[in-house]
Amino acid sequence: MDNLNKVKIEVAGAGYTIATTEQEGYVRDLAKEMSDDIDSLMVRNPSLSMNDALVLCAIAYLSEYKKAEANCDHIRSQLKEYLGDTARARMEADDANRRADKLAKEVEELRRRYGV
């Protein structure tokens, strides 16, 4: 791994040092968001243990990740379709332009031939 940053964070009162290539501010923002989510869960459900809150957060994050991944896959397939449509349209336009040029030459030849 190149250019690892060591970032000290705190999540739900526990300190961690993360070795990452991400920017420190980004990692700190993630840690704060996770800590806030855990705190919120524990306030709403005082009987939850820290481990329960961590597991629930992990499941929620994984669910969001899977949905985002599926959405990205869908967008990629749409993009492939659009690119295919664009390539077909470009080929059709090129073909139409060639036919138009050919017809324009034929018209010009007929005008010369018949003096119009």
PDB file of N, CA and C in Angstrom:
ATOM      1  N   MET A   1       0.839  -1.181   0.000  1.00  0.00           N
ATOM      2  CA  MET A   1       0.000   0.000   0.000  1.00  0.00           C
ATOM      3  C   MET A   1       0.879   1.238   0.000  1.00  0.00           C
ATOM      4  N   ASP A   2       0.526   2.173  -0.831  1.00  0.00           N
ATOM      5  CA  ASP A   2       1.313   3.395  -0.952  1.00  0.00           C
ATOM      6  C   ASP A   2       0.701   4.514  -0.124  1.00  0.00           C
ATOM      7  N   ASN A   3       1.574   5.337   0.455  1.00  0.00           N
ATOM      8  CA  ASN A   3       1.160   6.542   1.156  1.00  0.00           C
ATOM      9  C   ASN A   3       0.076   6.309   2.201  1.00  0.00           C
ATOM     10  N   LEU A   4       0.313   5.401   3.111  1.00  0.00           N
ATOM     11  CA  LEU A   4      -0.666   5.141   4.169  1.00  0.00           C
ATOM     12  C   LEU A   4      -0.653   6.278   5.177  1.00  0.00           C
ATOM     13  N   ASN A   5      -1.843   6.731   5.514  1.00  0.00           N
ATOM     14  CA  ASN A   5      -2.015   7.721   6.571  1.00  0.00           C
ATOM     15  C   ASN A   5      -2.477   6.988   7.817  1.00  0.00           C
ATOM     16  N   LYS A   6      -1.921   7.335   8.961  1.00  0.00           N
ATOM     17  CA  LYS A   6      -2.413   6.800  10.228  1.00  0.00           C
ATOM     18  C   LYS A   6      -3.331   7.852  10.825  1.00  0.00           C
ATOM     19  N   VAL A   7      -4.583   7.454  10.986  1.00  0.00           N
ATOM     20  CA  VAL A   7      -5.593   8.388  11.472  1.00  0.00           C
ATOM     21  C   VAL A   7      -6.155   7.864  12.788  1.00  0.00           C
ATOM     22  N   LYS A   8      -6.101   8.703  13.814  1.00  0.00           N
ATOM     23  CA  LYS A   8      -6.686   8.344  15.111  1.00  0.00           C
ATOM     24  C   LYS A   8      -8.131   8.804  15.119  1.00  0.00           C
ATOM     25  N   ILE A   9      -9.027   7.850  15.440  1.00  0.00           N
ATOM     26  CA  ILE A   9     -10.454   8.160  15.488  1.00  0.00           C
ATOM     27  C   ILE A   9     -11.045   7.632  16.791  1.00  0.00           C
ATOM     28  N   GLU A  10     -12.263   8.077  17.061  1.00  0.00           N
ATOM     29  CA  GLU A  10     -13.002   7.566  18.200  1.00  0.00           C
ATOM     30  C   GLU A  10     -14.406   7.226  17.719  1.00  0.00           C
ATOM     31  N   VAL A  11     -14.825   5.995  18.038  1.00  0.00           N
ATOM     32  CA  VAL A  11     -16.169   5.547  17.689  1.00  0.00           C
ATOM     33  C   VAL A  11     -16.816   5.019  18.959  1.00  0.00           C
ATOM     34  N   ALA A  12     -17.924   5.623  19.313  1.00  0.00           N
ATOM     35  CA  ALA A  12     -18.677   5.216  20.501  1.00  0.00           C
ATOM     36  C   ALA A  12     -17.792   5.109  21.746  1.00  0.00           C
ATOM     37  N   GLY A  13     -16.898   6.092  21.879  1.00  0.00           N
ATOM     38  CA  GLY A  13     -16.057   6.145  23.070  1.00  0.00           C
ATOM     39  C   GLY A  13     -14.783   5.321  23.015  1.00  0.00           C
ATOM     40  N   ALA A  14     -14.613   4.510  21.997  1.00  0.00           N
ATOM     41  CA  ALA A  14     -13.401   3.687  21.879  1.00  0.00           C
ATOM     42  C   ALA A  14     -12.467   4.304  20.841  1.00  0.00           C
ATOM     43  N   GLY A  15     -11.178   4.337  21.161  1.00  0.00           N
ATOM     44  CA  GLY A  15     -10.188   4.911  20.257  1.00  0.00           C
ATOM     45  C   GLY A  15      -9.585   3.860  19.337  1.00  0.00           C
ATOM     46  N   TYR A  16      -9.322   4.270  18.108  1.00  0.00           N
ATOM     47  CA  TYR A  16      -8.735   3.384  17.109  1.00  0.00           C
ATOM     48  C   TYR A  16      -7.736   4.179  16.285  1.00  0.00           C
ATOM     49  N   THR A  17      -6.727   3.489  15.782  1.00  0.00           N
ATOM     50  CA  THR A  17      -5.814   4.078  14.807  1.00  0.00           C
ATOM     51  C   THR A  17      -5.997   3.300  13.519  1.00  0.00           C
ATOM     52  N   ILE A  18      -6.339   4.030  12.463  1.00  0.00           N
ATOM     53  CA  ILE A  18      -6.627   3.428  11.162  1.00  0.00           C
ATOM     54  C   ILE A  18      -5.481   3.744  10.207  1.00  0.00           C
ATOM     55  N   ALA A  19      -4.946   2.732   9.554  1.00  0.00           N
ATOM     56  CA  ALA A  19      -3.958   2.928   8.486  1.00  0.00           C
ATOM     57  C   ALA A  19      -4.724   2.884   7.175  1.00  0.00           C
ATOM     58  N   THR A  20      -4.697   3.981   6.430  1.00  0.00           N
ATOM     59  CA  THR A  20      -5.510   4.095   5.226  1.00  0.00           C
ATOM     60  C   THR A  20      -4.870   5.012   4.203  1.00  0.00           C
ATOM     61  N   THR A  21      -5.277   4.850   2.966  1.00  0.00           N
ATOM     62  CA  THR A  21      -4.844   5.772   1.908  1.00  0.00           C
ATOM     63  C   THR A  21      -5.818   6.939   1.779  1.00  0.00           C
ATOM     64  N   GLU A  22      -6.926   6.870   2.509  1.00  0.00           N
ATOM     65  CA  GLU A  22      -7.923   7.946   2.461  1.00  0.00           C
ATOM     66  C   GLU A  22      -7.434   9.172   3.216  1.00  0.00           C
ATOM     67  N   GLN A  23      -8.045  10.300   2.906  1.00  0.00           N
ATOM     68  CA  GLN A  23      -7.721  11.548   3.583  1.00  0.00           C
ATOM     69  C   GLN A  23      -8.191  11.490   5.036  1.00  0.00           C
ATOM     70  N   GLU A  24      -7.457  12.129   5.924  1.00  0.00           N
ATOM     71  CA  GLU A  24      -7.772  12.098   7.351  1.00  0.00           C
ATOM     72  C   GLU A  24      -9.183  12.627   7.626  1.00  0.00           C
ATOM     73  N   GLY A  25      -9.544  13.722   7.009  1.00  0.00           N
ATOM     74  CA  GLY A  25     -10.864  14.312   7.228  1.00  0.00           C
ATOM     75  C   GLY A  25     -11.987  13.373   6.832  1.00  0.00           C
ATOM     76  N   TYR A  26     -11.789  12.662   5.754  1.00  0.00           N
ATOM     77  CA  TYR A  26     -12.795  11.696   5.289  1.00  0.00           C
ATOM     78  C   TYR A  26     -12.978  10.578   6.312  1.00  0.00           C
ATOM     79  N   VAL A  27     -11.882  10.040   6.816  1.00  0.00           N
ATOM     80  CA  VAL A  27     -11.939   8.951   7.797  1.00  0.00           C
ATOM     81  C   VAL A  27     -12.578   9.444   9.089  1.00  0.00           C
ATOM     82  N   ARG A  28     -12.212  10.641   9.499  1.00  0.00           N
ATOM     83  CA  ARG A  28     -12.813  11.207  10.717  1.00  0.00           C
ATOM     84  C   ARG A  28     -14.320  11.418  10.545  1.00  0.00           C
ATOM     85  N   ASP A  29     -14.740  11.870   9.367  1.00  0.00           N
ATOM     86  CA  ASP A  29     -16.174  12.046   9.094  1.00  0.00           C
ATOM     87  C   ASP A  29     -16.914  10.711   9.155  1.00  0.00           C
ATOM     88  N   LEU A  30     -16.297   9.661   8.599  1.00  0.00           N
ATOM     89  CA  LEU A  30     -16.914   8.327   8.668  1.00  0.00           C
ATOM     90  C   LEU A  30     -17.055   7.878  10.120  1.00  0.00           C
ATOM     91  N   ALA A  31     -16.000   8.074  10.892  1.00  0.00           N
ATOM     92  CA  ALA A  31     -16.020   7.666  12.291  1.00  0.00           C
ATOM     93  C   ALA A  31     -17.093   8.430  13.064  1.00  0.00           C
ATOM     94  N   LYS A  32     -17.207   9.725  12.792  1.00  0.00           N
ATOM     95  CA  LYS A  32     -18.222  10.529  13.478  1.00  0.00           C
ATOM     96  C   LYS A  32     -19.620  10.060  13.097  1.00  0.00           C
ATOM     97  N   GLU A  33     -19.835   9.792  11.820  1.00  0.00           N
ATOM     98  CA  GLU A  33     -21.148   9.318  11.375  1.00  0.00           C
ATOM     99  C   GLU A  33     -21.496   7.987  12.039  1.00  0.00           C
ATOM    100  N   MET A  34     -20.525   7.081  12.083  1.00  0.00           N
ATOM    101  CA  MET A  34     -20.770   5.785  12.710  1.00  0.00           C
ATOM    102  C   MET A  34     -21.047   5.952  14.201  1.00  0.00           C
ATOM    103  N   SER A  35     -20.262   6.777  14.864  1.00  0.00           N
ATOM    104  CA  SER A  35     -20.449   7.017  16.282  1.00  0.00           C
ATOM    105  C   SER A  35     -21.832   7.619  16.546  1.00  0.00           C
ATOM    106  N   ASP A  36     -22.231   8.575  15.711  1.00  0.00           N
ATOM    107  CA  ASP A  36     -23.560   9.187  15.850  1.00  0.00           C
ATOM    108  C   ASP A  36     -24.665   8.157  15.645  1.00  0.00           C
ATOM    109  N   ASP A  37     -24.488   7.274  14.660  1.00  0.00           N
ATOM    110  CA  ASP A  37     -25.489   6.227  14.400  1.00  0.00           C
ATOM    111  C   ASP A  37     -25.605   5.276  15.595  1.00  0.00           C
ATOM    112  N   ILE A  38     -24.471   4.887  16.148  1.00  0.00           N
ATOM    113  CA  ILE A  38     -24.470   3.991  17.312  1.00  0.00           C
ATOM    114  C   ILE A  38     -25.137   4.673  18.504  1.00  0.00           C
ATOM    115  N   ASP A  39     -24.754   5.924  18.756  1.00  0.00           N
ATOM    116  CA  ASP A  39     -25.350   6.675  19.870  1.00  0.00           C
ATOM    117  C   ASP A  39     -26.860   6.797  19.696  1.00  0.00           C
ATOM    118  N   SER A  40     -27.295   7.089  18.483  1.00  0.00           N
ATOM    119  CA  SER A  40     -28.719   7.232  18.202  1.00  0.00           C
ATOM    120  C   SER A  40     -29.464   5.925  18.463  1.00  0.00           C
ATOM    121  N   LEU A  41     -28.890   4.825  18.005  1.00  0.00           N
ATOM    122  CA  LEU A  41     -29.504   3.519  18.244  1.00  0.00           C
ATOM    123  C   LEU A  41     -29.627   3.224  19.737  1.00  0.00           C
ATOM    124  N   MET A  42     -28.573   3.516  20.463  1.00  0.00           N
ATOM    125  CA  MET A  42     -28.554   3.195  21.888  1.00  0.00           C
ATOM    126  C   MET A  42     -29.489   4.102  22.684  1.00  0.00           C
ATOM    127  N   VAL A  43     -29.683   5.338  22.231  1.00  0.00           N
ATOM    128  CA  VAL A  43     -30.630   6.243  22.896  1.00  0.00           C
ATOM    129  C   VAL A  43     -32.060   5.753  22.654  1.00  0.00           C
ATOM    130  N   ARG A  44     -32.334   5.340  21.416  1.00  0.00           N
ATOM    131  CA  ARG A  44     -33.683   4.858  21.082  1.00  0.00           C
ATOM    132  C   ARG A  44     -33.983   3.500  21.706  1.00  0.00           C
ATOM    133  N   ASN A  45     -32.939   2.713  21.942  1.00  0.00           N
ATOM    134  CA  ASN A  45     -33.088   1.365  22.498  1.00  0.00           C
ATOM    135  C   ASN A  45     -32.088   1.179  23.638  1.00  0.00           C
ATOM    136  N   PRO A  46     -32.413   1.676  24.815  1.00  0.00           N
ATOM    137  CA  PRO A  46     -31.458   1.638  25.931  1.00  0.00           C
ATOM    138  C   PRO A  46     -31.010   0.229  26.336  1.00  0.00           C
ATOM    139  N   SER A  47     -31.794  -0.779  25.970  1.00  0.00           N
ATOM    140  CA  SER A  47     -31.410  -2.141  26.369  1.00  0.00           C
ATOM    141  C   SER A  47     -30.372  -2.760  25.435  1.00  0.00           C
ATOM    142  N   LEU A  48     -30.044  -2.081  24.330  1.00  0.00           N
ATOM    143  CA  LEU A  48     -29.037  -2.611  23.395  1.00  0.00           C
ATOM    144  C   LEU A  48     -27.651  -2.574  24.022  1.00  0.00           C
ATOM    145  N   SER A  49     -26.892  -3.615  23.790  1.00  0.00           N
ATOM    146  CA  SER A  49     -25.483  -3.594  24.172  1.00  0.00           C
ATOM    147  C   SER A  49     -24.709  -2.894  23.056  1.00  0.00           C
ATOM    148  N   MET A  50     -23.490  -2.550  23.357  1.00  0.00           N
ATOM    149  CA  MET A  50     -22.639  -1.930  22.334  1.00  0.00           C
ATOM    150  C   MET A  50     -22.481  -2.870  21.148  1.00  0.00           C
ATOM    151  N   ASN A  51     -22.264  -4.152  21.412  1.00  0.00           N
ATOM    152  CA  ASN A  51     -22.120  -5.120  20.316  1.00  0.00           C
ATOM    153  C   ASN A  51     -23.374  -5.192  19.467  1.00  0.00           C
ATOM    154  N   ASP A  52     -24.550  -5.171  20.110  1.00  0.00           N
ATOM    155  CA  ASP A  52     -25.808  -5.194  19.359  1.00  0.00           C
ATOM    156  C   ASP A  52     -25.900  -3.971  18.447  1.00  0.00           C
ATOM    157  N   ALA A  53     -25.571  -2.817  18.990  1.00  0.00           N
ATOM    158  CA  ALA A  53     -25.626  -1.578  18.202  1.00  0.00           C
ATOM    159  C   ALA A  53     -24.647  -1.644  17.028  1.00  0.00           C
ATOM    160  N   LEU A  54     -23.448  -2.163  17.282  1.00  0.00           N
ATOM    161  CA  LEU A  54     -22.443  -2.291  16.222  1.00  0.00           C
ATOM    162  C   LEU A  54     -22.934  -3.233  15.118  1.00  0.00           C
ATOM    163  N   VAL A  55     -23.533  -4.359  15.515  1.00  0.00           N
ATOM    164  CA  VAL A  55     -24.038  -5.319  14.521  1.00  0.00           C
ATOM    165  C   VAL A  55     -25.169  -4.691  13.717  1.00  0.00           C
ATOM    166  N   LEU A  56     -26.091  -3.996  14.381  1.00  0.00           N
ATOM    167  CA  LEU A  56     -27.198  -3.355  13.660  1.00  0.00           C
ATOM    168  C   LEU A  56     -26.689  -2.293  12.684  1.00  0.00           C
ATOM    169  N   CYS A  57     -25.698  -1.526  13.118  1.00  0.00           N
ATOM    170  CA  CYS A  57     -25.103  -0.521  12.212  1.00  0.00           C
ATOM    171  C   CYS A  57     -24.418  -1.207  11.036  1.00  0.00           C
ATOM    172  N   ALA A  58     -23.683  -2.267  11.316  1.00  0.00           N
ATOM    173  CA  ALA A  58     -22.984  -2.983  10.238  1.00  0.00           C
ATOM    174  C   ALA A  58     -23.989  -3.533   9.229  1.00  0.00           C
ATOM    175  N   ILE A  59     -25.094  -4.089   9.711  1.00  0.00           N
ATOM    176  CA  ILE A  59     -26.117  -4.619   8.798  1.00  0.00           C
ATOM    177  C   ILE A  59     -26.723  -3.490   7.969  1.00  0.00           C
ATOM    178  N   ALA A  60     -27.005  -2.353   8.605  1.00  0.00           N
ATOM    179  CA  ALA A  60     -27.574  -1.214   7.869  1.00  0.00           C
ATOM    180  C   ALA A  60     -26.592  -0.714   6.807  1.00  0.00           C
ATOM    181  N   TYR A  61     -25.310  -0.606   7.172  1.00  0.00           N
ATOM    182  CA  TYR A  61     -24.303  -0.142   6.217  1.00  0.00           C
ATOM    183  C   TYR A  61     -24.146  -1.123   5.065  1.00  0.00           C
ATOM    184  N   LEU A  62     -24.138  -2.418   5.388  1.00  0.00           N
ATOM    185  CA  LEU A  62     -24.012  -3.432   4.343  1.00  0.00           C
ATOM    186  C   LEU A  62     -25.211  -3.408   3.410  1.00  0.00           C
ATOM    187  N   SER A  63     -26.393  -3.213   3.969  1.00  0.00           N
ATOM    188  CA  SER A  63     -27.601  -3.111   3.153  1.00  0.00           C
ATOM    189  C   SER A  63     -27.506  -1.914   2.200  1.00  0.00           C
ATOM    190  N   GLU A  64     -27.085  -0.768   2.725  1.00  0.00           N
ATOM    191  CA  GLU A  64     -26.915   0.421   1.884  1.00  0.00           C
ATOM    192  C   GLU A  64     -25.887   0.169   0.788  1.00  0.00           C
ATOM    193  N   TYR A  65     -24.802  -0.493   1.142  1.00  0.00           N
ATOM    194  CA  TYR A  65     -23.747  -0.804   0.177  1.00  0.00           C
ATOM    195  C   TYR A  65     -24.281  -1.701  -0.932  1.00  0.00           C
ATOM    196  N   LYS A  66     -24.999  -2.767  -0.556  1.00  0.00           N
ATOM    197  CA  LYS A  66     -25.534  -3.712  -1.544  1.00  0.00           C
ATOM    198  C   LYS A  66     -26.519  -3.016  -2.482  1.00  0.00           C
ATOM    199  N   LYS A  67     -27.371  -2.159  -1.932  1.00  0.00           N
ATOM    200  CA  LYS A  67     -28.328  -1.419  -2.758  1.00  0.00           C
ATOM    201  C   LYS A  67     -27.606  -0.469  -3.705  1.00  0.00           C
ATOM    202  N   ALA A  68     -26.583   0.208  -3.208  1.00  0.00           N
ATOM    203  CA  ALA A  68     -25.814   1.122  -4.054  1.00  0.00           C
ATOM    204  C   ALA A  68     -25.078   0.355  -5.150  1.00  0.00           C
ATOM    205  N   GLU A  69     -24.546  -0.816  -4.787  1.00  0.00           N
ATOM    206  CA  GLU A  69     -23.849  -1.652  -5.767  1.00  0.00           C
ATOM    207  C   GLU A  69     -24.817  -2.123  -6.864  1.00  0.00           C
ATOM    208  N   ALA A  70     -26.010  -2.536  -6.469  1.00  0.00           N
ATOM    209  CA  ALA A  70     -27.021  -2.964  -7.444  1.00  0.00           C
ATOM    210  C   ALA A  70     -27.420  -1.794  -8.335  1.00  0.00           C
ATOM    211  N   ASN A  71     -27.550  -0.611  -7.741  1.00  0.00           N
ATOM    212  CA  ASN A  71     -27.892   0.574  -8.523  1.00  0.00           C
ATOM    213  C   ASN A  71     -26.782   0.896  -9.519  1.00  0.00           C
ATOM    214  N   CYS A  72     -25.536   0.778  -9.094  1.00  0.00           N
ATOM    215  CA  CYS A  72     -24.404   1.020  -9.997  1.00  0.00           C
ATOM    216  C   CYS A  72     -24.396   0.004 -11.139  1.00  0.00           C
ATOM    217  N   ASP A  73     -24.664  -1.256 -10.818  1.00  0.00           N
ATOM    218  CA  ASP A  73     -24.728  -2.276 -11.866  1.00  0.00           C
ATOM    219  C   ASP A  73     -25.822  -1.955 -12.867  1.00  0.00           C
ATOM    220  N   HIS A  74     -26.975  -1.510 -12.365  1.00  0.00           N
ATOM    221  CA  HIS A  74     -28.085  -1.143 -13.245  1.00  0.00           C
ATOM    222  C   HIS A  74     -27.694   0.040 -14.138  1.00  0.00           C
ATOM    223  N   ILE A  75     -27.058   1.033 -13.541  1.00  0.00           N
ATOM    224  CA  ILE A  75     -26.625   2.206 -14.318  1.00  0.00           C
ATOM    225  C   ILE A  75     -25.595   1.803 -15.361  1.00  0.00           C
ATOM    226  N   ARG A  76     -24.659   0.896 -14.997  1.00  0.00           N
ATOM    227  CA  ARG A  76     -23.665   0.426 -15.963  1.00  0.00           C
ATOM    228  C   ARG A  76     -24.336  -0.268 -17.145  1.00  0.00           C
ATOM    229  N   SER A  77     -25.335  -1.113 -16.865  1.00  0.00           N
ATOM    230  CA  SER A  77     -26.006  -1.816 -17.970  1.00  0.00           C
ATOM    231  C   SER A  77     -26.776  -0.831 -18.832  1.00  0.00           C
ATOM    232  N   GLN A  78     -27.400   0.176 -18.227  1.00  0.00           N
ATOM    233  CA  GLN A  78     -28.086   1.200 -19.007  1.00  0.00           C
ATOM    234  C   GLN A  78     -27.084   1.963 -19.874  1.00  0.00           C
ATOM    235  N   LEU A  79     -25.943   2.281 -19.298  1.00  0.00           N
ATOM    236  CA  LEU A  79     -24.917   3.010 -20.031  1.00  0.00           C
ATOM    237  C   LEU A  79     -24.431   2.195 -21.230  1.00  0.00           C
ATOM    238  N   LYS A  80     -24.241   0.880 -21.031  1.00  0.00           N
ATOM    239  CA  LYS A  80     -23.835   0.021 -22.144  1.00  0.00           C
ATOM    240  C   LYS A  80     -24.881   0.044 -23.248  1.00  0.00           C
ATOM    241  N   GLU A  81     -26.157  -0.008 -22.854  1.00  0.00           N
ATOM    242  CA  GLU A  81     -27.230   0.061 -23.851  1.00  0.00           C
ATOM    243  C   GLU A  81     -27.187   1.388 -24.595  1.00  0.00           C
ATOM    244  N   TYR A  82     -27.037   2.478 -23.843  1.00  0.00           N
ATOM    245  CA  TYR A  82     -26.991   3.797 -24.472  1.00  0.00           C
ATOM    246  C   TYR A  82     -25.800   3.930 -25.416  1.00  0.00           C
ATOM    247  N   LEU A  83     -24.662   3.383 -25.005  1.00  0.00           N
ATOM    248  CA  LEU A  83     -23.485   3.438 -25.865  1.00  0.00           C
ATOM    249  C   LEU A  83     -23.710   2.621 -27.139  1.00  0.00           C
ATOM    250  N   GLY A  84     -24.355   1.462 -26.986  1.00  0.00           N
ATOM    251  CA  GLY A  84     -24.688   0.653 -28.156  1.00  0.00           C
ATOM    252  C   GLY A  84     -25.655   1.380 -29.072  1.00  0.00           C
ATOM    253  N   ASP A  85     -26.679   2.013 -28.488  1.00  0.00           N
ATOM    254  CA  ASP A  85     -27.635   2.793 -29.283  1.00  0.00           C
ATOM    255  C   ASP A  85     -26.936   3.935 -30.005  1.00  0.00           C
ATOM    256  N   THR A  86     -26.021   4.585 -29.312  1.00  0.00           N
ATOM    257  CA  THR A  86     -25.285   5.705 -29.909  1.00  0.00           C
ATOM    258  C   THR A  86     -24.420   5.223 -31.063  1.00  0.00           C
ATOM    259  N   ALA A  87     -23.762   4.097 -30.892  1.00  0.00           N
ATOM    260  CA  ALA A  87     -22.912   3.554 -31.958  1.00  0.00           C
ATOM    261  C   ALA A  87     -23.763   3.186 -33.173  1.00  0.00           C
ATOM    262  N   ARG A  88     -24.920   2.547 -32.934  1.00  0.00           N
ATOM    263  CA  ARG A  88     -25.816   2.201 -34.047  1.00  0.00           C
ATOM    264  C   ARG A  88     -26.321   3.455 -34.751  1.00  0.00           C
ATOM    265  N   ALA A  89     -26.701   4.454 -33.968  1.00  0.00           N
ATOM    266  CA  ALA A  89     -27.201   5.699 -34.552  1.00  0.00           C
ATOM    267  C   ALA A  89     -26.109   6.388 -35.364  1.00  0.00           C
ATOM    268  N   ARG A  90     -24.887   6.362 -34.862  1.00  0.00           N
ATOM    269  CA  ARG A  90     -23.768   6.978 -35.587  1.00  0.00           C
ATOM    270  C   ARG A  90     -23.535   6.254 -36.913  1.00  0.00           C
ATOM    271  N   MET A  91     -23.598   4.911 -36.869  1.00  0.00           N
ATOM    272  CA  MET A  91     -23.410   4.141 -38.107  1.00  0.00           C
ATOM    273  C   MET A  91     -24.537   4.434 -39.094  1.00  0.00           C
ATOM    274  N   GLU A  92     -25.767   4.519 -38.608  1.00  0.00           N
ATOM    275  CA  GLU A  92     -26.900   4.838 -39.468  1.00  0.00           C
ATOM    276  C   GLU A  92     -26.755   6.236 -40.058  1.00  0.00           C
ATOM    277  N   ALA A  93     -26.300   7.192 -39.245  1.00  0.00           N
ATOM    278  CA  ALA A  93     -26.105   8.560 -39.735  1.00  0.00           C
ATOM    279  C   ALA A  93     -25.006   8.596 -40.789  1.00  0.00           C
ATOM    280  N   ASP A  94     -23.914   7.864 -40.546  1.00  0.00           N
ATOM    281  CA  ASP A  94     -22.835   7.807 -41.539  1.00  0.00           C
ATOM    282  C   ASP A  94     -23.338   7.197 -42.843  1.00  0.00           C
ATOM    283  N   ASP A  95     -24.117   6.129 -42.720  1.00  0.00           N
ATOM    284  CA  ASP A  95     -24.687   5.476 -43.900  1.00  0.00           C
ATOM    285  C   ASP A  95     -25.623   6.431 -44.638  1.00  0.00           C
ATOM    286  N   ALA A  96     -26.471   7.138 -43.901  1.00  0.00           N
ATOM    287  CA  ALA A  96     -27.395   8.096 -44.524  1.00  0.00           C
ATOM    288  C   ALA A  96     -26.617   9.220 -45.212  1.00  0.00           C
ATOM    289  N   ASN A  97     -25.543   9.682 -44.581  1.00  0.00           N
ATOM    290  CA  ASN A  97     -24.722  10.737 -45.200  1.00  0.00           C
ATOM    291  C   ASN A  97     -24.062  10.242 -46.482  1.00  0.00           C
ATOM    292  N   ARG A  98     -23.576   8.990 -46.474  1.00  0.00           N
ATOM    293  CA  ARG A  98     -22.976   8.439 -47.696  1.00  0.00           C
ATOM    294  C   ARG A  98     -24.016   8.342 -48.807  1.00  0.00           C
ATOM    295  N   ARG A  99     -25.232   7.877 -48.450  1.00  0.00           N
ATOM    296  CA  ARG A  99     -26.296   7.782 -49.459  1.00  0.00           C
ATOM    297  C   ARG A  99     -26.683   9.163 -49.961  1.00  0.00           C
ATOM    298  N   ALA A 100     -26.751  10.150 -49.064  1.00  0.00           N
ATOM    299  CA  ALA A 100     -27.087  11.512 -49.471  1.00  0.00           C
ATOM    300  C   ALA A 100     -26.020  12.066 -50.409  1.00  0.00           C
ATOM    301  N   ASP A 101     -24.742  11.816 -50.095  1.00  0.00           N
ATOM    302  CA  ASP A 101     -23.665  12.265 -50.984  1.00  0.00           C
ATOM    303  C   ASP A 101     -23.762  11.605 -52.350  1.00  0.00           C
ATOM    304  N   LYS A 102     -24.042  10.303 -52.355  1.00  0.00           N
ATOM    305  CA  LYS A 102     -24.170   9.565 -53.613  1.00  0.00           C
ATOM    306  C   LYS A 102     -25.333  10.117 -54.431  1.00  0.00           C
ATOM    307  N   LEU A 103     -26.474  10.360 -53.773  1.00  0.00           N
ATOM    308  CA  LEU A 103     -27.641  10.903 -54.481  1.00  0.00           C
ATOM    309  C   LEU A 103     -27.373  12.319 -54.984  1.00  0.00           C
ATOM    310  N   ALA A 104     -26.653  13.110 -54.189  1.00  0.00           N
ATOM    311  CA  ALA A 104     -26.324  14.469 -54.625  1.00  0.00           C
ATOM    312  C   ALA A 104     -25.448  14.422 -55.875  1.00  0.00           C
ATOM    313  N   LYS A 105     -24.511  13.474 -55.925  1.00  0.00           N
ATOM    314  CA  LYS A 105     -23.667  13.328 -57.110  1.00  0.00           C
ATOM    315  C   LYS A 105     -24.496  12.881 -58.308  1.00  0.00           C
ATOM    316  N   GLU A 106     -25.440  11.963 -58.073  1.00  0.00           N
ATOM    317  CA  GLU A 106     -26.312  11.508 -59.161  1.00  0.00           C
ATOM    318  C   GLU A 106     -27.162  12.652 -59.691  1.00  0.00           C
ATOM    319  N   VAL A 107     -27.696  13.471 -58.766  1.00  0.00           N
ATOM    320  CA  VAL A 107     -28.504  14.627 -59.193  1.00  0.00           C
ATOM    321  C   VAL A 107     -27.647  15.579 -59.998  1.00  0.00           C
ATOM    322  N   GLU A 108     -26.438  15.831 -59.537  1.00  0.00           N
ATOM    323  CA  GLU A 108     -25.537  16.742 -60.251  1.00  0.00           C
ATOM    324  C   GLU A 108     -25.215  16.181 -61.642  1.00  0.00           C
ATOM    325  N   GLU A 109     -24.979  14.877 -61.726  1.00  0.00           N
ATOM    326  CA  GLU A 109     -24.699  14.239 -63.014  1.00  0.00           C
ATOM    327  C   GLU A 109     -25.900  14.352 -63.947  1.00  0.00           C
ATOM    328  N   LEU A 110     -27.086  14.124 -63.431  1.00  0.00           N
ATOM    329  CA  LEU A 110     -28.304  14.237 -64.253  1.00  0.00           C
ATOM    330  C   LEU A 110     -28.512  15.680 -64.717  1.00  0.00           C
ATOM    331  N   ARG A 111     -28.238  16.652 -63.870  1.00  0.00           N
ATOM    332  CA  ARG A 111     -28.371  18.062 -64.269  1.00  0.00           C
ATOM    333  C   ARG A 111     -27.386  18.392 -65.382  1.00  0.00           C
ATOM    334  N   ARG A 112     -26.161  17.893 -65.260  1.00  0.00           N
ATOM    335  CA  ARG A 112     -25.177  18.144 -66.312  1.00  0.00           C
ATOM    336  C   ARG A 112     -25.602  17.472 -67.608  1.00  0.00           C
ATOM    337  N   ARG A 113     -26.060  16.226 -67.452  1.00  0.00           N
ATOM    338  CA  ARG A 113     -26.446  15.445 -68.639  1.00  0.00           C
ATOM    339  C   ARG A 113     -27.632  16.101 -69.369  1.00  0.00           C
ATOM    340  N   TYR A 114     -28.628  16.596 -68.626  1.00  0.00           N
ATOM    341  CA  TYR A 114     -29.823  17.126 -69.255  1.00  0.00           C
ATOM    342  C   TYR A 114     -29.867  18.656 -69.259  1.00  0.00           C
ATOM    343  N   GLY A 115     -28.797  19.274 -68.839  1.00  0.00           N
ATOM    344  CA  GLY A 115     -28.701  20.719 -68.920  1.00  0.00           C
ATOM    345  C   GLY A 115     -29.675  21.482 -68.024  1.00  0.00           C
ATOM    346  N   VAL A 116     -29.989  20.959 -66.907  1.00  0.00           N
ATOM    347  CA  VAL A 116     -30.943  21.631 -66.018  1.00  0.00           C
ATOM    348  C   VAL A 116     -30.218  22.465 -65.011  1.00  0.00           C
TER     349      VAL A 116
END
